[in-house]
């Protein structure tokens, strides 16, 4: 389930924080599965990593916009 940036832009900051926390938890679990050779979908690691990066980028954009207004 790849996250679209347009979908992320419609979410509030709290929703993004919650999704980021969930993705980091999933990333940890995937790394654990990979280390124990139980990983079923290796491509999911890349998808999760990219989704995390998209959320962080969006958060940084919002923080920069807020700083520019202040």
N, C-alpha and C. Protein backbone atom coordinates (compact mmCIF):
# COMPACT_ATOMS: atom_id res chain seq x y z
N UNK A 1 0.85 -1.18 0.00
CA UNK A 1 0.00 0.00 0.00
C UNK A 1 0.89 1.24 0.00
N UNK A 2 1.19 1.71 -1.17
CA UNK A 2 2.04 2.89 -1.30
C UNK A 2 1.23 4.14 -1.03
N UNK A 3 1.80 5.05 -0.27
CA UNK A 3 1.10 6.26 0.09
C UNK A 3 1.29 7.32 -0.98
N UNK A 4 0.20 7.93 -1.38
CA UNK A 4 0.28 9.02 -2.36
C UNK A 4 0.50 10.32 -1.61
N UNK A 5 1.33 11.18 -2.16
CA UNK A 5 1.65 12.44 -1.49
C UNK A 5 0.40 13.32 -1.41
N UNK A 6 -0.49 13.22 -2.39
CA UNK A 6 -1.73 14.01 -2.35
C UNK A 6 -2.58 13.61 -1.16
N UNK A 7 -2.61 12.30 -0.87
CA UNK A 7 -3.37 11.82 0.28
C UNK A 7 -2.77 12.34 1.58
N UNK A 8 -1.44 12.40 1.63
CA UNK A 8 -0.78 12.87 2.84
C UNK A 8 -1.03 14.36 3.07
N UNK A 9 -1.08 15.13 1.99
CA UNK A 9 -1.26 16.58 2.12
C UNK A 9 -2.61 16.93 2.73
N UNK A 10 -3.61 16.05 2.60
CA UNK A 10 -4.93 16.34 3.13
C UNK A 10 -5.03 16.02 4.63
N UNK A 11 -4.02 15.34 5.17
CA UNK A 11 -4.07 14.94 6.58
C UNK A 11 -3.55 16.05 7.49
N UNK A 12 -4.04 16.02 8.73
CA UNK A 12 -3.59 16.98 9.73
C UNK A 12 -2.22 16.56 10.26
N UNK A 13 -1.59 17.46 10.99
CA UNK A 13 -0.28 17.15 11.57
C UNK A 13 -0.36 15.96 12.53
N UNK A 14 -1.43 15.90 13.31
CA UNK A 14 -1.58 14.79 14.26
C UNK A 14 -1.74 13.46 13.53
N UNK A 15 -2.50 13.48 12.43
CA UNK A 15 -2.68 12.26 11.66
C UNK A 15 -1.35 11.81 11.04
N UNK A 16 -0.56 12.77 10.57
CA UNK A 16 0.75 12.43 10.00
C UNK A 16 1.67 11.85 11.07
N UNK A 17 1.65 12.43 12.25
CA UNK A 17 2.47 11.90 13.35
C UNK A 17 2.08 10.46 13.68
N UNK A 18 0.78 10.21 13.72
CA UNK A 18 0.30 8.86 14.04
C UNK A 18 0.71 7.87 12.95
N UNK A 19 0.58 8.28 11.69
CA UNK A 19 0.95 7.39 10.60
C UNK A 19 2.46 7.15 10.59
N UNK A 20 3.23 8.18 10.90
CA UNK A 20 4.69 8.04 10.95
C UNK A 20 5.09 7.04 12.04
N UNK A 21 4.45 7.14 13.19
CA UNK A 21 4.73 6.21 14.28
C UNK A 21 4.41 4.78 13.87
N UNK A 22 3.28 4.61 13.22
CA UNK A 22 2.87 3.27 12.77
C UNK A 22 3.85 2.71 11.73
N UNK A 23 4.28 3.56 10.80
CA UNK A 23 5.22 3.11 9.77
C UNK A 23 6.58 2.76 10.38
N UNK A 24 7.02 3.53 11.36
CA UNK A 24 8.30 3.21 12.01
C UNK A 24 8.22 1.88 12.74
N UNK A 25 7.07 1.62 13.35
CA UNK A 25 6.88 0.33 14.03
C UNK A 25 6.91 -0.80 13.01
N UNK A 26 6.24 -0.59 11.86
CA UNK A 26 6.25 -1.62 10.82
C UNK A 26 7.66 -1.81 10.27
N UNK A 27 8.40 -0.72 10.10
CA UNK A 27 9.77 -0.82 9.61
C UNK A 27 10.62 -1.64 10.56
N UNK A 28 10.46 -1.43 11.86
CA UNK A 28 11.20 -2.21 12.85
C UNK A 28 10.85 -3.69 12.71
N UNK A 29 9.56 -3.99 12.60
CA UNK A 29 9.13 -5.39 12.47
C UNK A 29 9.69 -6.03 11.20
N UNK A 30 9.70 -5.27 10.10
CA UNK A 30 10.24 -5.80 8.85
C UNK A 30 11.74 -6.07 8.96
N UNK A 31 12.45 -5.16 9.62
CA UNK A 31 13.89 -5.38 9.81
C UNK A 31 14.13 -6.62 10.66
N UNK A 32 13.30 -6.81 11.67
CA UNK A 32 13.42 -7.97 12.54
C UNK A 32 13.15 -9.25 11.74
N UNK A 33 12.12 -9.23 10.90
CA UNK A 33 11.81 -10.39 10.06
C UNK A 33 12.95 -10.68 9.09
N UNK A 34 13.54 -9.63 8.52
CA UNK A 34 14.64 -9.82 7.58
C UNK A 34 15.84 -10.45 8.28
N UNK A 35 16.10 -10.02 9.50
CA UNK A 35 17.24 -10.55 10.25
C UNK A 35 17.06 -12.01 10.61
N UNK A 36 15.81 -12.44 10.77
CA UNK A 36 15.54 -13.83 11.14
C UNK A 36 15.10 -14.67 9.94
N UNK A 37 15.29 -14.12 8.73
CA UNK A 37 14.94 -14.82 7.49
C UNK A 37 13.49 -15.25 7.42
N UNK A 38 12.58 -14.42 7.93
CA UNK A 38 11.16 -14.72 7.87
C UNK A 38 10.40 -13.70 7.03
N UNK A 39 11.12 -12.90 6.27
CA UNK A 39 10.51 -11.83 5.50
C UNK A 39 9.83 -12.39 4.26
N UNK A 40 8.52 -12.09 4.11
CA UNK A 40 7.77 -12.60 2.97
C UNK A 40 7.74 -11.63 1.80
N UNK A 41 7.77 -10.32 2.09
CA UNK A 41 7.67 -9.32 1.02
C UNK A 41 8.82 -8.32 1.15
N UNK A 42 9.97 -8.62 0.57
CA UNK A 42 11.13 -7.73 0.69
C UNK A 42 10.88 -6.33 0.13
N UNK A 43 10.01 -6.20 -0.86
CA UNK A 43 9.73 -4.90 -1.46
C UNK A 43 9.01 -3.98 -0.47
N UNK A 44 8.36 -4.56 0.52
CA UNK A 44 7.62 -3.75 1.50
C UNK A 44 8.57 -2.86 2.31
N UNK A 45 9.80 -3.30 2.52
CA UNK A 45 10.77 -2.49 3.25
C UNK A 45 10.99 -1.17 2.53
N UNK A 46 11.15 -1.22 1.22
CA UNK A 46 11.37 -0.02 0.42
C UNK A 46 10.15 0.89 0.44
N UNK A 47 8.96 0.30 0.33
CA UNK A 47 7.73 1.07 0.35
C UNK A 47 7.58 1.82 1.67
N UNK A 48 7.84 1.14 2.77
CA UNK A 48 7.70 1.76 4.09
C UNK A 48 8.72 2.88 4.24
N UNK A 49 9.96 2.62 3.81
CA UNK A 49 11.01 3.64 3.93
C UNK A 49 10.66 4.89 3.13
N UNK A 50 10.12 4.71 1.94
CA UNK A 50 9.72 5.84 1.12
C UNK A 50 8.54 6.59 1.72
N UNK A 51 7.59 5.87 2.28
CA UNK A 51 6.44 6.52 2.91
C UNK A 51 6.89 7.36 4.11
N UNK A 52 7.83 6.83 4.88
CA UNK A 52 8.37 7.59 6.01
C UNK A 52 9.03 8.86 5.50
N UNK A 53 9.80 8.74 4.43
CA UNK A 53 10.49 9.91 3.87
C UNK A 53 9.49 10.94 3.35
N UNK A 54 8.40 10.49 2.74
CA UNK A 54 7.39 11.42 2.24
C UNK A 54 6.75 12.19 3.39
N UNK A 55 6.43 11.50 4.47
CA UNK A 55 5.80 12.16 5.61
C UNK A 55 6.76 13.16 6.23
N UNK A 56 8.02 12.77 6.40
CA UNK A 56 9.00 13.68 6.99
C UNK A 56 9.21 14.90 6.11
N UNK A 57 9.24 14.71 4.80
CA UNK A 57 9.40 15.82 3.88
C UNK A 57 8.23 16.78 4.00
N UNK A 58 7.03 16.24 4.05
CA UNK A 58 5.83 17.07 4.18
C UNK A 58 5.84 17.83 5.51
N UNK A 59 6.26 17.16 6.59
CA UNK A 59 6.34 17.83 7.88
C UNK A 59 7.35 18.97 7.84
N UNK A 60 8.49 18.75 7.18
CA UNK A 60 9.50 19.79 7.07
C UNK A 60 9.00 20.96 6.23
N UNK A 61 8.26 20.67 5.17
CA UNK A 61 7.68 21.74 4.34
C UNK A 61 6.72 22.58 5.16
N UNK A 62 5.89 21.92 5.95
CA UNK A 62 4.91 22.65 6.78
C UNK A 62 5.61 23.48 7.84
N UNK A 63 6.67 22.93 8.43
CA UNK A 63 7.41 23.67 9.46
C UNK A 63 8.09 24.90 8.84
N UNK A 64 8.63 24.75 7.64
CA UNK A 64 9.28 25.87 6.97
C UNK A 64 8.26 26.94 6.60
N UNK A 65 7.09 26.52 6.17
CA UNK A 65 6.04 27.49 5.83
C UNK A 65 5.57 28.24 7.08
N UNK A 66 5.45 27.53 8.18
CA UNK A 66 5.03 28.16 9.44
C UNK A 66 6.10 29.14 9.93
N UNK A 67 7.36 28.77 9.77
CA UNK A 67 8.45 29.65 10.18
C UNK A 67 8.52 30.90 9.31
N UNK A 68 8.18 30.73 8.03
CA UNK A 68 8.22 31.86 7.11
C UNK A 68 7.11 32.88 7.44
N UNK A 69 5.98 32.37 7.93
CA UNK A 69 4.87 33.26 8.29
C UNK A 69 5.16 34.02 9.58
N UNK A 70 5.90 33.38 10.46
CA UNK A 70 6.17 33.98 11.78
C UNK A 70 7.26 35.04 11.74
